[in-house]
Protein backbone atom coordinates (compact mmCIF):
# COMPACT_ATOMS: atom_id res chain seq x y z
CA MET A 1 -10.53 -4.66 -0.93
CA LYS A 2 -7.19 -5.97 -0.15
CA LEU A 3 -3.52 -3.97 -0.70
CA HIS A 4 -0.15 -5.09 -1.46
CA LEU A 5 1.79 -2.47 -1.04
CA GLY A 6 5.31 -2.22 -2.37
CA CYS A 7 4.95 -5.78 -3.73
CA GLY A 8 7.79 -5.85 -6.13
CA LYS A 9 7.84 -9.14 -8.52
CA ARG A 10 5.52 -10.87 -5.73
CA TYR A 11 1.69 -11.57 -6.70
CA ILE A 12 -0.94 -12.50 -4.20
CA PRO A 13 -4.26 -13.50 -5.92
CA ASP A 14 -7.42 -11.44 -4.85
CA PHE A 15 -5.07 -8.58 -3.86
CA VAL A 16 -4.75 -5.09 -5.58
CA HIS A 17 -0.88 -4.64 -5.88
CA ILE A 18 0.80 -0.90 -5.70
CA ASP A 19 4.29 -0.64 -6.52
CA VAL A 20 6.31 2.09 -8.01
CA GLN A 21 8.08 -0.54 -10.50
CA PRO A 22 5.56 -1.42 -13.65
CA TYR A 23 5.38 -4.80 -13.20
CA ASP A 24 3.08 -6.93 -15.26
CA HIS A 25 0.66 -7.80 -12.61
CA ILE A 26 0.77 -4.11 -10.80
CA ASP A 27 -2.44 -2.35 -10.72
CA TYR A 28 -1.36 1.01 -9.90
CA VAL A 29 2.00 2.27 -10.43
CA ALA A 30 2.66 4.35 -7.45
CA SER A 31 4.55 5.29 -4.30
CA ILE A 32 3.04 3.50 -1.39
CA ASP A 33 3.36 6.81 1.00
CA ASN A 34 0.57 8.38 -1.07
CA LEU A 35 -2.81 6.40 -1.59
CA SER A 36 -4.72 8.92 -3.14
CA SER A 37 -6.42 7.06 -5.39
CA ILE A 38 -8.16 5.07 -2.74
CA GLU A 39 -11.04 6.49 -0.71
CA ASP A 40 -10.95 6.65 2.95
CA GLY A 41 -12.22 3.68 4.76
CA THR A 42 -12.45 1.40 1.98
CA VAL A 43 -9.74 -1.19 2.67
CA ASP A 44 -10.09 -4.36 4.60
CA LEU A 45 -6.66 -5.37 4.74
CA ILE A 46 -2.85 -4.04 3.81
CA TYR A 47 -0.23 -6.40 3.44
CA ASN A 48 3.57 -5.02 3.14
CA CYS A 49 6.72 -6.55 3.89
CA HIS A 50 10.20 -5.11 4.24
CA VAL A 51 8.98 -1.47 2.87
CA LEU A 52 9.41 0.91 5.92
CA GLU A 53 12.75 1.14 5.84
CA HIS A 54 12.64 2.35 2.49
CA PHE A 55 11.22 5.91 4.07
CA LYS A 56 13.36 7.82 6.44
CA ARG A 57 12.45 7.50 10.12
CA THR A 58 11.00 11.15 9.93
CA ASP A 59 8.49 9.85 7.31
CA VAL A 60 7.22 6.68 8.99
CA SER A 61 4.45 8.20 10.93
CA ARG A 62 2.88 10.28 7.87
CA VAL A 63 3.30 6.94 5.94
CA LEU A 64 1.40 4.83 8.72
CA LYS A 65 -1.46 7.54 8.96
CA GLU A 66 -2.21 7.31 5.41
CA TRP A 67 -2.51 3.68 5.27
CA ARG A 68 -4.63 3.91 8.42
CA ARG A 69 -6.52 6.80 6.04
CA VAL A 70 -7.62 3.96 3.93
CA LEU A 71 -8.52 1.26 6.29
CA LYS A 72 -12.14 0.50 7.11
CA PRO A 73 -12.73 0.57 11.00
CA GLY A 74 -11.41 -2.79 12.30
CA GLY A 75 -9.44 -3.30 9.46
């Protein structure tokens, strides 16, 4: 599985799209700092662009740990 986190209006084929905005192509309307709907170690690739700046500096470590949780080893 490949995730596109905080994708907004941008659609990338073959990715699972997660965003807080309910655009037509969004697979999960959710905040990208809580991926509780995704099991540990099941994601091959995470793509995001210009999203970390939307989190407080003190939250970035927690967000990155959550993304790492869902990645497969070597993902």
